[in-house]
Amino acid sequence: MSQLQAIIFDMDGLMVDSEPLSQQAWDEYLRPYGHQLTEEIVSQIIGLRADVSTPTIKELFGLPEAVPVIIEKRAAIYSQIRANGVPVMPGLMELHAEIARRQIPWAVATSSPRHHAEEILQQLGLQDRCQAIAAGSEVTHGKPHPEIYQLAATRLGISPEHCLALEDSGPGSLAAARAGMTVIAIPNAQTKTADFSHVNYLYSSLHEVVANLDTFFGE
């Protein structure tokens, strides 16, 4: 397994606990219409790009505004919420300290727009260490299509089969698997019921990734 050369991170729900904040943004947008997201709806849209998830929500609730307008308004609410800081997932900073010590190249592959990824990396103090970003706004097909992971690998200059992908969602982990990567799924409270039958490893936290780095990258 020591043939792996790089790590590609999903961001929301994997690096940072932003999914509850994302849900909060939806609930604030939906409140004037008398709606809010249920756990079942969240499980349907988690890990998907806004242009895929928003039509689903528009249809479910019969929202009057056009999809681009909903995306823009909800994004503005989400941006305000994120500005107060985003909780870091357990083990992230220990993992990045170890990645830095071992000089393992890494990238981010996120369904979110690029400015969101840059903002989060800045808040985490990791913006100068991240070698590449592949964002949902930069690909034709969002997760579970492999394009976003292929783009991240291309920007790192490392072939997908030599990359370890870390994901929390079903669509995201499937995208990484379809790209030919070794995939570790680390489900969170919102994704724990997802289908992860296609992944190589199922871990409970990023602490487990730290503990098993030798397995993937040698000592």
N, C-alpha and C. Protein backbone atom coordinates (compact mmCIF):
# COMPACT_ATOMS: atom_id res chain seq x y z
N MET A 1 0.82 -1.21 0.00
CA MET A 1 0.00 0.00 0.00
C MET A 1 0.86 1.26 0.00
N SER A 2 2.17 1.11 0.17
CA SER A 2 3.03 2.30 0.28
C SER A 2 3.26 2.99 -1.07
N GLN A 3 2.54 2.53 -2.13
CA GLN A 3 2.67 3.18 -3.44
C GLN A 3 1.90 4.50 -3.49
N LEU A 4 1.09 4.80 -2.46
CA LEU A 4 0.33 6.04 -2.47
C LEU A 4 1.26 7.23 -2.26
N GLN A 5 0.93 8.33 -2.94
CA GLN A 5 1.84 9.49 -2.95
C GLN A 5 1.20 10.79 -2.49
N ALA A 6 -0.14 10.83 -2.40
CA ALA A 6 -0.82 12.10 -2.08
C ALA A 6 -2.15 11.82 -1.39
N ILE A 7 -2.68 12.86 -0.74
CA ILE A 7 -3.98 12.76 -0.09
C ILE A 7 -4.90 13.84 -0.66
N ILE A 8 -6.12 13.45 -0.98
CA ILE A 8 -7.10 14.43 -1.45
C ILE A 8 -8.28 14.45 -0.47
N PHE A 9 -8.53 15.62 0.07
CA PHE A 9 -9.55 15.82 1.09
C PHE A 9 -10.85 16.35 0.49
N ASP A 10 -11.96 15.77 0.88
CA ASP A 10 -13.21 16.49 0.77
C ASP A 10 -13.14 17.59 1.85
N MET A 11 -14.03 18.55 1.80
CA MET A 11 -13.94 19.63 2.79
C MET A 11 -15.10 19.64 3.79
N ASP A 12 -16.31 19.88 3.30
CA ASP A 12 -17.47 20.03 4.19
C ASP A 12 -17.88 18.69 4.80
N GLY A 13 -17.87 18.63 6.12
CA GLY A 13 -18.22 17.39 6.81
C GLY A 13 -17.06 16.45 7.01
N LEU A 14 -15.91 16.79 6.40
CA LEU A 14 -14.72 15.94 6.51
C LEU A 14 -13.60 16.70 7.21
N MET A 15 -13.26 17.89 6.70
CA MET A 15 -12.26 18.74 7.34
C MET A 15 -12.92 19.62 8.41
N VAL A 16 -14.08 20.14 8.06
CA VAL A 16 -14.81 21.03 8.98
C VAL A 16 -16.25 20.55 9.14
N ASP A 17 -16.80 20.81 10.31
CA ASP A 17 -18.17 20.38 10.62
C ASP A 17 -19.15 21.43 10.13
N SER A 18 -19.18 21.62 8.81
CA SER A 18 -19.97 22.70 8.22
C SER A 18 -21.36 22.26 7.79
N GLU A 19 -21.62 20.96 7.77
CA GLU A 19 -22.93 20.50 7.31
C GLU A 19 -24.08 21.06 8.16
N PRO A 20 -23.97 21.09 9.51
CA PRO A 20 -25.04 21.71 10.30
C PRO A 20 -25.23 23.19 9.96
N LEU A 21 -24.12 23.88 9.62
CA LEU A 21 -24.21 25.30 9.25
C LEU A 21 -24.90 25.45 7.90
N SER A 22 -24.60 24.51 6.99
CA SER A 22 -25.24 24.51 5.68
C SER A 22 -26.74 24.29 5.82
N GLN A 23 -27.10 23.37 6.70
CA GLN A 23 -28.52 23.10 6.97
C GLN A 23 -29.19 24.33 7.59
N GLN A 24 -28.47 24.99 8.49
CA GLN A 24 -28.99 26.21 9.12
C GLN A 24 -29.28 27.28 8.06
N ALA A 25 -28.39 27.39 7.07
CA ALA A 25 -28.59 28.37 6.00
C ALA A 25 -29.84 28.05 5.19
N TRP A 26 -30.04 26.76 4.92
CA TRP A 26 -31.26 26.36 4.22
C TRP A 26 -32.50 26.69 5.05
N ASP A 27 -32.44 26.37 6.34
CA ASP A 27 -33.59 26.62 7.21
C ASP A 27 -33.94 28.10 7.29
N GLU A 28 -32.89 28.95 7.31
CA GLU A 28 -33.14 30.40 7.35
C GLU A 28 -33.79 30.87 6.05
N TYR A 29 -33.33 30.31 4.91
CA TYR A 29 -33.94 30.67 3.62
C TYR A 29 -35.39 30.19 3.56
N LEU A 30 -35.64 28.98 4.08
CA LEU A 30 -36.97 28.36 3.97
C LEU A 30 -37.98 28.90 4.99
N ARG A 31 -37.48 29.52 6.07
CA ARG A 31 -38.37 29.94 7.17
C ARG A 31 -39.55 30.80 6.70
N PRO A 32 -39.34 31.81 5.85
CA PRO A 32 -40.49 32.63 5.41
C PRO A 32 -41.57 31.82 4.68
N TYR A 33 -41.16 30.66 4.15
CA TYR A 33 -42.13 29.80 3.44
C TYR A 33 -42.73 28.75 4.37
N GLY A 34 -42.32 28.76 5.63
CA GLY A 34 -42.88 27.83 6.61
C GLY A 34 -42.32 26.42 6.52
N HIS A 35 -41.08 26.30 6.00
CA HIS A 35 -40.48 24.97 5.84
C HIS A 35 -39.12 24.90 6.54
N GLN A 36 -38.66 23.67 6.76
CA GLN A 36 -37.27 23.43 7.15
C GLN A 36 -36.87 22.04 6.69
N LEU A 37 -35.57 21.80 6.61
CA LEU A 37 -35.09 20.51 6.13
C LEU A 37 -35.28 19.42 7.18
N THR A 38 -35.64 18.25 6.72
CA THR A 38 -35.70 17.08 7.60
C THR A 38 -34.40 16.29 7.44
N GLU A 39 -34.15 15.36 8.35
CA GLU A 39 -32.96 14.50 8.24
C GLU A 39 -32.96 13.74 6.92
N GLU A 40 -34.14 13.32 6.50
CA GLU A 40 -34.26 12.55 5.26
C GLU A 40 -33.85 13.39 4.05
N ILE A 41 -34.28 14.66 4.02
CA ILE A 41 -33.91 15.54 2.90
C ILE A 41 -32.41 15.81 2.93
N VAL A 42 -31.87 16.07 4.12
CA VAL A 42 -30.43 16.32 4.25
C VAL A 42 -29.64 15.13 3.70
N SER A 43 -30.08 13.92 4.01
CA SER A 43 -29.36 12.72 3.54
C SER A 43 -29.43 12.58 2.02
N GLN A 44 -30.49 13.15 1.41
CA GLN A 44 -30.63 13.09 -0.06
C GLN A 44 -29.68 14.06 -0.77
N ILE A 45 -29.41 15.21 -0.14
CA ILE A 45 -28.66 16.27 -0.85
C ILE A 45 -27.21 16.42 -0.40
N ILE A 46 -26.83 15.73 0.67
CA ILE A 46 -25.50 15.94 1.23
C ILE A 46 -24.42 15.51 0.24
N GLY A 47 -23.38 16.34 0.10
CA GLY A 47 -22.27 16.03 -0.80
C GLY A 47 -22.50 16.45 -2.24
N LEU A 48 -23.71 16.95 -2.55
CA LEU A 48 -24.03 17.34 -3.92
C LEU A 48 -23.80 18.83 -4.14
N ARG A 49 -23.56 19.18 -5.40
CA ARG A 49 -23.36 20.58 -5.77
C ARG A 49 -24.69 21.33 -5.69
N ALA A 50 -24.62 22.63 -5.48
CA ALA A 50 -25.83 23.44 -5.29
C ALA A 50 -26.79 23.34 -6.48
N ASP A 51 -26.24 23.23 -7.70
CA ASP A 51 -27.13 23.19 -8.87
C ASP A 51 -27.87 21.86 -8.99
N VAL A 52 -27.43 20.86 -8.20
CA VAL A 52 -28.12 19.57 -8.17
C VAL A 52 -29.09 19.51 -6.99
N SER A 53 -28.63 20.00 -5.83
CA SER A 53 -29.46 19.91 -4.62
C SER A 53 -30.61 20.93 -4.62
N THR A 54 -30.37 22.12 -5.15
CA THR A 54 -31.38 23.18 -5.09
C THR A 54 -32.68 22.85 -5.85
N PRO A 55 -32.60 22.32 -7.08
CA PRO A 55 -33.86 21.95 -7.76
C PRO A 55 -34.68 20.93 -6.97
N THR A 56 -33.99 20.02 -6.27
CA THR A 56 -34.69 19.03 -5.44
C THR A 56 -35.49 19.73 -4.36
N ILE A 57 -34.86 20.69 -3.67
CA ILE A 57 -35.52 21.40 -2.58
C ILE A 57 -36.63 22.31 -3.12
N LYS A 58 -36.37 22.95 -4.24
CA LYS A 58 -37.40 23.81 -4.87
C LYS A 58 -38.66 22.99 -5.16
N GLU A 59 -38.45 21.80 -5.71
CA GLU A 59 -39.59 20.94 -6.08
C GLU A 59 -40.31 20.40 -4.83
N LEU A 60 -39.53 19.97 -3.84
CA LEU A 60 -40.11 19.41 -2.62
C LEU A 60 -41.05 20.39 -1.93
N PHE A 61 -40.63 21.66 -1.87
CA PHE A 61 -41.40 22.66 -1.13
C PHE A 61 -42.22 23.60 -2.02
N GLY A 62 -42.14 23.38 -3.33
CA GLY A 62 -42.89 24.25 -4.25
C GLY A 62 -42.46 25.70 -4.14
N LEU A 63 -41.16 25.94 -4.07
CA LEU A 63 -40.65 27.31 -3.88
C LEU A 63 -40.88 28.14 -5.13
N PRO A 64 -41.29 29.41 -4.97
CA PRO A 64 -41.64 30.23 -6.14
C PRO A 64 -40.44 30.81 -6.89
N GLU A 65 -39.30 30.97 -6.22
CA GLU A 65 -38.16 31.63 -6.86
C GLU A 65 -37.41 30.67 -7.79
N ALA A 66 -36.75 31.23 -8.78
CA ALA A 66 -35.96 30.43 -9.72
C ALA A 66 -34.74 29.84 -9.02
N VAL A 67 -34.27 28.71 -9.52
CA VAL A 67 -33.13 28.02 -8.90
C VAL A 67 -31.91 28.93 -8.73
N PRO A 68 -31.49 29.70 -9.76
CA PRO A 68 -30.31 30.57 -9.57
C PRO A 68 -30.51 31.61 -8.45
N VAL A 69 -31.74 32.10 -8.31
CA VAL A 69 -32.05 33.09 -7.26
C VAL A 69 -31.95 32.43 -5.88
N ILE A 70 -32.51 31.22 -5.77
CA ILE A 70 -32.44 30.48 -4.50
C ILE A 70 -30.98 30.22 -4.12
N ILE A 71 -30.20 29.77 -5.09
CA ILE A 71 -28.77 29.47 -4.83
C ILE A 71 -28.06 30.72 -4.32
N GLU A 72 -28.30 31.84 -4.99
CA GLU A 72 -27.62 33.10 -4.63
C GLU A 72 -28.03 33.58 -3.23
N LYS A 73 -29.32 33.55 -2.93
CA LYS A 73 -29.81 34.03 -1.63
C LYS A 73 -29.33 33.13 -0.49
N ARG A 74 -29.42 31.81 -0.72
CA ARG A 74 -29.00 30.88 0.32
C ARG A 74 -27.49 30.94 0.53
N ALA A 75 -26.73 31.14 -0.55
CA ALA A 75 -25.26 31.26 -0.45
C ALA A 75 -24.88 32.48 0.39
N ALA A 76 -25.61 33.57 0.23
CA ALA A 76 -25.33 34.79 1.00
C ALA A 76 -25.58 34.55 2.49
N ILE A 77 -26.66 33.82 2.82
CA ILE A 77 -26.96 33.48 4.22
C ILE A 77 -25.84 32.60 4.78
N TYR A 78 -25.45 31.59 3.99
CA TYR A 78 -24.42 30.63 4.41
C TYR A 78 -23.08 31.33 4.65
N SER A 79 -22.77 32.27 3.78
CA SER A 79 -21.52 33.02 3.90
C SER A 79 -21.47 33.80 5.21
N GLN A 80 -22.59 34.40 5.58
CA GLN A 80 -22.67 35.15 6.85
C GLN A 80 -22.48 34.22 8.05
N ILE A 81 -23.10 33.05 7.98
CA ILE A 81 -22.98 32.08 9.08
C ILE A 81 -21.53 31.61 9.20
N ARG A 82 -20.90 31.29 8.06
CA ARG A 82 -19.51 30.79 8.05
C ARG A 82 -18.52 31.82 8.57
N ALA A 83 -18.84 33.09 8.38
CA ALA A 83 -17.91 34.16 8.78
C ALA A 83 -17.59 34.11 10.27
N ASN A 84 -18.49 33.51 11.05
CA ASN A 84 -18.27 33.41 12.50
C ASN A 84 -17.31 32.28 12.87
N GLY A 85 -16.86 31.54 11.85
CA GLY A 85 -15.94 30.43 12.11
C GLY A 85 -16.64 29.09 11.93
N VAL A 86 -15.87 28.12 11.49
CA VAL A 86 -16.41 26.78 11.23
C VAL A 86 -15.70 25.79 12.14
N PRO A 87 -16.46 24.93 12.85
CA PRO A 87 -15.83 23.95 13.75
C PRO A 87 -14.96 22.96 12.97
N VAL A 88 -13.80 22.66 13.53
CA VAL A 88 -12.85 21.74 12.90
C VAL A 88 -13.18 20.30 13.31
N MET A 89 -13.09 19.38 12.36
CA MET A 89 -13.37 17.98 12.68
C MET A 89 -12.23 17.39 13.53
N PRO A 90 -12.58 16.50 14.47
CA PRO A 90 -11.57 15.91 15.36
C PRO A 90 -10.46 15.21 14.58
N GLY A 91 -9.22 15.55 14.95
CA GLY A 91 -8.06 14.91 14.33
C GLY A 91 -7.50 15.63 13.13
N LEU A 92 -8.19 16.67 12.63
CA LEU A 92 -7.73 17.33 11.40
C LEU A 92 -6.35 17.95 11.58
N MET A 93 -6.16 18.71 12.66
CA MET A 93 -4.89 19.41 12.82
C MET A 93 -3.73 18.45 13.11
N GLU A 94 -4.02 17.36 13.85
CA GLU A 94 -2.99 16.34 14.08
C GLU A 94 -2.60 15.68 12.75
N LEU A 95 -3.60 15.43 11.90
CA LEU A 95 -3.33 14.82 10.60
C LEU A 95 -2.48 15.75 9.74
N HIS A 96 -2.82 17.03 9.73
CA HIS A 96 -2.06 17.96 8.90
C HIS A 96 -0.64 18.20 9.43
N ALA A 97 -0.47 18.10 10.73
CA ALA A 97 0.89 18.20 11.29
C ALA A 97 1.73 17.02 10.81
N GLU A 98 1.12 15.84 10.77
CA GLU A 98 1.83 14.63 10.34
C GLU A 98 2.08 14.65 8.83
N ILE A 99 1.11 15.15 8.07
CA ILE A 99 1.28 15.29 6.61
C ILE A 99 2.45 16.24 6.31
N ALA A 100 2.51 17.34 7.06
CA ALA A 100 3.60 18.32 6.87
C ALA A 100 4.94 17.69 7.23
N ARG A 101 4.97 16.93 8.32
CA ARG A 101 6.22 16.29 8.75
C ARG A 101 6.71 15.30 7.70
N ARG A 102 5.79 14.58 7.10
CA ARG A 102 6.15 13.57 6.09
C ARG A 102 6.27 14.17 4.68
N GLN A 103 5.89 15.43 4.53
CA GLN A 103 5.90 16.13 3.24
C GLN A 103 5.05 15.42 2.19
N ILE A 104 3.86 15.02 2.60
CA ILE A 104 2.92 14.37 1.67
C ILE A 104 2.13 15.47 0.96
N PRO A 105 2.13 15.48 -0.38
CA PRO A 105 1.32 16.47 -1.10
C PRO A 105 -0.16 16.23 -0.84
N TRP A 106 -0.94 17.32 -0.78
CA TRP A 106 -2.38 17.15 -0.58
C TRP A 106 -3.17 18.24 -1.29
N ALA A 107 -4.42 17.89 -1.57
CA ALA A 107 -5.33 18.81 -2.27
C ALA A 107 -6.72 18.71 -1.66
N VAL A 108 -7.59 19.61 -2.10
CA VAL A 108 -8.99 19.59 -1.67
C VAL A 108 -9.87 19.40 -2.91
N ALA A 109 -10.86 18.50 -2.79
CA ALA A 109 -11.86 18.30 -3.85
C ALA A 109 -13.23 18.51 -3.22
N THR A 110 -13.81 19.66 -3.45
CA THR A 110 -15.06 20.02 -2.77
C THR A 110 -16.17 20.38 -3.75
N SER A 111 -17.40 19.98 -3.40
CA SER A 111 -18.55 20.36 -4.23
C SER A 111 -18.84 21.86 -4.14
N SER A 112 -18.34 22.49 -3.09
CA SER A 112 -18.59 23.92 -2.88
C SER A 112 -17.81 24.77 -3.89
N PRO A 113 -18.19 26.04 -4.05
CA PRO A 113 -17.45 26.93 -4.95
C PRO A 113 -16.03 27.18 -4.43
N ARG A 114 -15.16 27.59 -5.33
CA ARG A 114 -13.75 27.77 -4.99
C ARG A 114 -13.55 28.81 -3.87
N HIS A 115 -14.31 29.91 -3.92
CA HIS A 115 -14.13 30.96 -2.90
C HIS A 115 -14.46 30.43 -1.50
N HIS A 116 -15.41 29.50 -1.43
CA HIS A 116 -15.75 28.87 -0.14
C HIS A 116 -14.57 28.05 0.36
N ALA A 117 -13.97 27.25 -0.53
CA ALA A 117 -12.82 26.42 -0.15
C ALA A 117 -11.65 27.29 0.33
N GLU A 118 -11.39 28.37 -0.40
CA GLU A 118 -10.29 29.27 -0.03
C GLU A 118 -10.54 29.92 1.33
N GLU A 119 -11.80 30.29 1.56
CA GLU A 119 -12.18 30.94 2.82
C GLU A 119 -11.98 29.97 4.00
N ILE A 120 -12.40 28.72 3.83
CA ILE A 120 -12.26 27.71 4.90
C ILE A 120 -10.78 27.43 5.16
N LEU A 121 -10.00 27.24 4.11
CA LEU A 121 -8.56 26.97 4.28
C LEU A 121 -7.88 28.12 5.01
N GLN A 122 -8.30 29.34 4.69
CA GLN A 122 -7.76 30.53 5.37
C GLN A 122 -8.11 30.50 6.86
N GLN A 123 -9.37 30.17 7.17
CA GLN A 123 -9.79 30.10 8.57
C GLN A 123 -9.00 29.02 9.33
N LEU A 124 -8.65 27.95 8.63
CA LEU A 124 -7.91 26.86 9.26
C LEU A 124 -6.40 27.12 9.32
N GLY A 125 -5.95 28.16 8.59
CA GLY A 125 -4.52 28.44 8.53
C GLY A 125 -3.76 27.46 7.66
N LEU A 126 -4.47 26.82 6.72
CA LEU A 126 -3.86 25.80 5.86
C LEU A 126 -3.72 26.25 4.40
N GLN A 127 -4.06 27.52 4.13
CA GLN A 127 -4.10 27.97 2.75
C GLN A 127 -2.74 27.88 2.05
N ASP A 128 -1.65 28.07 2.79
CA ASP A 128 -0.32 28.03 2.16
C ASP A 128 0.22 26.62 2.01
N ARG A 129 -0.40 25.67 2.72
CA ARG A 129 0.08 24.28 2.63
C ARG A 129 -0.65 23.47 1.57
N CYS A 130 -1.86 23.90 1.23
CA CYS A 130 -2.67 23.16 0.26
C CYS A 130 -2.10 23.36 -1.15
N GLN A 131 -1.75 22.25 -1.81
CA GLN A 131 -1.11 22.36 -3.13
C GLN A 131 -2.10 22.55 -4.28
N ALA A 132 -3.35 22.16 -4.08
CA ALA A 132 -4.33 22.29 -5.18
C ALA A 132 -5.74 22.25 -4.63
N ILE A 133 -6.63 22.94 -5.35
CA ILE A 133 -8.06 22.90 -5.04
C ILE A 133 -8.81 22.54 -6.32
N ALA A 134 -9.75 21.63 -6.21
CA ALA A 134 -10.71 21.37 -7.30
C ALA A 134 -12.08 21.63 -6.71
N ALA A 135 -12.78 22.62 -7.23
CA ALA A 135 -14.06 23.04 -6.65
C ALA A 135 -15.22 22.69 -7.56
N GLY A 136 -16.40 22.61 -6.95
CA GLY A 136 -17.60 22.27 -7.70
C GLY A 136 -17.88 23.23 -8.83
N SER A 137 -17.47 24.48 -8.65
CA SER A 137 -17.71 25.51 -9.66
C SER A 137 -16.75 25.38 -10.85
N GLU A 138 -15.80 24.45 -10.77
CA GLU A 138 -14.78 24.32 -11.82
C GLU A 138 -14.95 23.06 -12.68
N VAL A 139 -15.99 22.28 -12.39
CA VAL A 139 -16.18 21.04 -13.17
C VAL A 139 -17.56 21.03 -13.81
N THR A 140 -17.69 20.27 -14.89
CA THR A 140 -18.97 20.13 -15.58
C THR A 140 -19.92 19.25 -14.77
N HIS A 141 -19.38 18.15 -14.25
CA HIS A 141 -20.19 17.18 -13.52
C HIS A 141 -19.76 17.14 -12.05
N GLY A 142 -20.72 17.31 -11.14
CA GLY A 142 -20.42 17.23 -9.71
C GLY A 142 -20.37 15.78 -9.23
N LYS A 143 -19.99 15.60 -7.97
CA LYS A 143 -20.01 14.28 -7.36
C LYS A 143 -21.45 13.73 -7.44
N PRO A 144 -21.64 12.43 -7.70
CA PRO A 144 -20.69 11.31 -7.65
C PRO A 144 -19.89 11.05 -8.92
N HIS A 145 -19.96 11.95 -9.91
CA HIS A 145 -19.09 11.82 -11.09
C HIS A 145 -17.64 12.00 -10.64
N PRO A 146 -16.70 11.26 -11.22
CA PRO A 146 -15.30 11.33 -10.76
C PRO A 146 -14.53 12.59 -11.18
N GLU A 147 -15.14 13.45 -12.00
CA GLU A 147 -14.40 14.57 -12.60
C GLU A 147 -13.66 15.43 -11.58
N ILE A 148 -14.29 15.72 -10.45
CA ILE A 148 -13.67 16.63 -9.48
C ILE A 148 -12.41 16.01 -8.86
N TYR A 149 -12.43 14.70 -8.65
CA TYR A 149 -11.24 14.02 -8.12
C TYR A 149 -10.16 13.88 -9.18
N GLN A 150 -10.58 13.67 -10.41
CA GLN A 150 -9.61 13.62 -11.51
C GLN A 150 -8.90 14.96 -11.67
N LEU A 151 -9.68 16.04 -11.54
CA LEU A 151 -9.10 17.39 -11.65
C LEU A 151 -8.11 17.66 -10.52
N ALA A 152 -8.47 17.27 -9.30
CA ALA A 152 -7.57 17.47 -8.15
C ALA A 152 -6.26 16.72 -8.37
N ALA A 153 -6.35 15.48 -8.85
CA ALA A 153 -5.14 14.68 -9.10
C ALA A 153 -4.28 15.31 -10.20
N THR A 154 -4.94 15.79 -11.26
CA THR A 154 -4.23 16.46 -12.36
C THR A 154 -3.49 17.69 -11.85
N ARG A 155 -4.16 18.47 -11.00
CA ARG A 155 -3.52 19.69 -10.49
C ARG A 155 -2.37 19.39 -9.53
N LEU A 156 -2.43 18.22 -8.89
CA LEU A 156 -1.31 17.81 -8.04
C LEU A 156 -0.18 17.22 -8.88
N GLY A 157 -0.52 16.77 -10.08
CA GLY A 157 0.47 16.11 -10.94
C GLY A 157 0.73 14.67 -10.51
N ILE A 158 -0.27 14.05 -9.88
CA ILE A 158 -0.15 12.67 -9.40
C ILE A 158 -1.35 11.88 -9.90
N SER A 159 -1.11 10.69 -10.44
CA SER A 159 -2.21 9.91 -11.02
C SER A 159 -3.19 9.47 -9.93
N PRO A 160 -4.48 9.37 -10.27
CA PRO A 160 -5.50 9.04 -9.27
C PRO A 160 -5.22 7.75 -8.49
N GLU A 161 -4.66 6.75 -9.15
CA GLU A 161 -4.42 5.48 -8.44
C GLU A 161 -3.34 5.59 -7.36
N HIS A 162 -2.62 6.70 -7.36
CA HIS A 162 -1.61 6.94 -6.33
C HIS A 162 -2.10 7.93 -5.26
N CYS A 163 -3.42 8.20 -5.28
CA CYS A 163 -4.00 9.15 -4.32
C CYS A 163 -4.90 8.45 -3.31
N LEU A 164 -4.82 8.91 -2.07
CA LEU A 164 -5.73 8.48 -1.01
C LEU A 164 -6.79 9.57 -0.86
N ALA A 165 -8.06 9.21 -1.01
CA ALA A 165 -9.15 10.17 -0.88
C ALA A 165 -9.85 10.00 0.47
N LEU A 166 -10.12 11.12 1.13
CA LEU A 166 -10.83 11.12 2.41
C LEU A 166 -12.18 11.79 2.22
N GLU A 167 -13.25 11.08 2.53
CA GLU A 167 -14.61 11.55 2.26
C GLU A 167 -15.54 11.24 3.41
N ASP A 168 -16.63 12.01 3.52
CA ASP A 168 -17.64 11.72 4.54
C ASP A 168 -18.98 11.32 3.96
N SER A 169 -19.18 11.58 2.65
CA SER A 169 -20.51 11.34 2.06
C SER A 169 -20.51 10.21 1.05
N GLY A 170 -21.72 9.70 0.78
CA GLY A 170 -21.88 8.65 -0.23
C GLY A 170 -21.49 9.11 -1.62
N PRO A 171 -22.07 10.24 -2.12
CA PRO A 171 -21.71 10.71 -3.47
C PRO A 171 -20.22 11.04 -3.61
N GLY A 172 -19.64 11.64 -2.57
CA GLY A 172 -18.23 12.00 -2.62
C GLY A 172 -17.32 10.80 -2.66
N SER A 173 -17.58 9.83 -1.80
CA SER A 173 -16.73 8.63 -1.76
C SER A 173 -16.87 7.83 -3.04
N LEU A 174 -18.08 7.84 -3.63
CA LEU A 174 -18.29 7.14 -4.90
C LEU A 174 -17.52 7.83 -6.03
N ALA A 175 -17.49 9.17 -6.01
CA ALA A 175 -16.73 9.93 -7.00
C ALA A 175 -15.24 9.57 -6.94
N ALA A 176 -14.71 9.50 -5.73
CA ALA A 176 -13.28 9.17 -5.56
C ALA A 176 -12.99 7.73 -5.99
N ALA A 177 -13.90 6.82 -5.65
CA ALA A 177 -13.73 5.41 -6.05
C ALA A 177 -13.77 5.28 -7.57
N ARG A 178 -14.70 6.00 -8.20
CA ARG A 178 -14.80 5.96 -9.67
C ARG A 178 -13.58 6.56 -10.34
N ALA A 179 -12.89 7.48 -9.64
CA ALA A 179 -11.66 8.07 -10.19
C ALA A 179 -10.47 7.10 -10.06
N GLY A 180 -10.67 6.00 -9.34
CA GLY A 180 -9.60 5.01 -9.19
C GLY A 180 -8.73 5.20 -7.97
N MET A 181 -9.20 5.99 -7.00
CA MET A 181 -8.41 6.27 -5.81
C MET A 181 -8.68 5.24 -4.70
N THR A 182 -7.75 5.15 -3.75
CA THR A 182 -7.99 4.41 -2.52
C THR A 182 -8.84 5.32 -1.65
N VAL A 183 -9.97 4.83 -1.16
CA VAL A 183 -10.93 5.71 -0.48
C VAL A 183 -11.15 5.30 0.98
N ILE A 184 -11.01 6.29 1.86
CA ILE A 184 -11.40 6.13 3.27
C ILE A 184 -12.64 6.98 3.49
N ALA A 185 -13.70 6.36 3.97
CA ALA A 185 -14.91 7.11 4.34
C ALA A 185 -14.91 7.31 5.85
N ILE A 186 -15.21 8.55 6.26
CA ILE A 186 -15.32 8.89 7.68
C ILE A 186 -16.68 9.56 7.87
N PRO A 187 -17.72 8.75 8.06
CA PRO A 187 -19.07 9.31 8.16
C PRO A 187 -19.21 10.23 9.37
N ASN A 188 -20.11 11.22 9.24
CA ASN A 188 -20.44 12.08 10.38
C ASN A 188 -21.91 11.86 10.73
N ALA A 189 -22.43 12.67 11.63
CA ALA A 189 -23.82 12.49 12.09
C ALA A 189 -24.82 12.55 10.94
N GLN A 190 -24.52 13.37 9.92
CA GLN A 190 -25.45 13.53 8.80
C GLN A 190 -25.32 12.43 7.75
N THR A 191 -24.17 11.75 7.70
CA THR A 191 -23.92 10.79 6.61
C THR A 191 -23.79 9.35 7.08
N LYS A 192 -24.00 9.10 8.35
CA LYS A 192 -23.72 7.76 8.90
C LYS A 192 -24.59 6.65 8.30
N THR A 193 -25.73 7.02 7.71
CA THR A 193 -26.60 5.99 7.12
C THR A 193 -26.36 5.80 5.62
N ALA A 194 -25.38 6.51 5.06
CA ALA A 194 -25.11 6.42 3.62
C ALA A 194 -24.53 5.05 3.24
N ASP A 195 -24.59 4.74 1.96
CA ASP A 195 -24.02 3.50 1.44
C ASP A 195 -22.53 3.73 1.17
N PHE A 196 -21.70 3.00 1.90
CA PHE A 196 -20.25 3.10 1.70
C PHE A 196 -19.66 1.77 1.24
N SER A 197 -20.48 0.95 0.56
CA SER A 197 -20.03 -0.38 0.15
C SER A 197 -18.88 -0.33 -0.87
N HIS A 198 -18.69 0.82 -1.52
CA HIS A 198 -17.67 0.97 -2.56
C HIS A 198 -16.32 1.46 -2.02
N VAL A 199 -16.22 1.77 -0.72
CA VAL A 199 -14.96 2.33 -0.20
C VAL A 199 -14.02 1.22 0.25
N ASN A 200 -12.72 1.59 0.38
CA ASN A 200 -11.71 0.61 0.82
C ASN A 200 -11.67 0.49 2.33
N TYR A 201 -11.89 1.62 3.03
CA TYR A 201 -11.82 1.62 4.50
C TYR A 201 -12.92 2.51 5.06
N LEU A 202 -13.43 2.13 6.22
CA LEU A 202 -14.44 2.92 6.91
C LEU A 202 -13.89 3.24 8.30
N TYR A 203 -13.59 4.51 8.56
CA TYR A 203 -13.00 4.93 9.83
C TYR A 203 -13.99 5.77 10.62
N SER A 204 -13.73 5.88 11.92
CA SER A 204 -14.63 6.65 12.77
C SER A 204 -14.22 8.11 12.90
N SER A 205 -12.95 8.42 12.64
CA SER A 205 -12.48 9.81 12.73
C SER A 205 -11.16 9.97 12.00
N LEU A 206 -10.73 11.22 11.86
CA LEU A 206 -9.43 11.50 11.23
C LEU A 206 -8.27 11.02 12.10
N HIS A 207 -8.54 10.82 13.40
CA HIS A 207 -7.49 10.26 14.27
C HIS A 207 -7.05 8.89 13.75
N GLU A 208 -7.99 8.12 13.22
CA GLU A 208 -7.66 6.79 12.67
C GLU A 208 -6.78 6.90 11.44
N VAL A 209 -6.99 7.96 10.65
CA VAL A 209 -6.13 8.18 9.47
C VAL A 209 -4.70 8.42 9.93
N VAL A 210 -4.55 9.27 10.96
CA VAL A 210 -3.22 9.54 11.52
C VAL A 210 -2.55 8.24 11.97
N ALA A 211 -3.32 7.43 12.69
CA ALA A 211 -2.78 6.18 13.24
C ALA A 211 -2.38 5.18 12.17
N ASN A 212 -2.98 5.29 10.98
CA ASN A 212 -2.73 4.30 9.92
C ASN A 212 -1.94 4.84 8.72
N LEU A 213 -1.35 6.03 8.86
CA LEU A 213 -0.62 6.60 7.72
C LEU A 213 0.50 5.68 7.22
N ASP A 214 1.15 4.97 8.13
CA ASP A 214 2.22 4.05 7.72
C ASP A 214 1.72 3.00 6.73
N THR A 215 0.48 2.58 6.92
CA THR A 215 -0.12 1.56 6.05
C THR A 215 -0.16 2.05 4.59
N PHE A 216 -0.41 3.35 4.42
CA PHE A 216 -0.60 3.89 3.08
C PHE A 216 0.67 4.52 2.50
N PHE A 217 1.52 5.07 3.35
CA PHE A 217 2.67 5.85 2.85
C PHE A 217 4.01 5.32 3.34
N GLY A 218 4.02 4.19 4.06
CA GLY A 218 5.27 3.68 4.62
C GLY A 218 5.68 4.49 5.82
N GLU A 219 6.77 4.09 6.44
CA GLU A 219 7.21 4.79 7.66
C GLU A 219 8.10 5.98 7.35
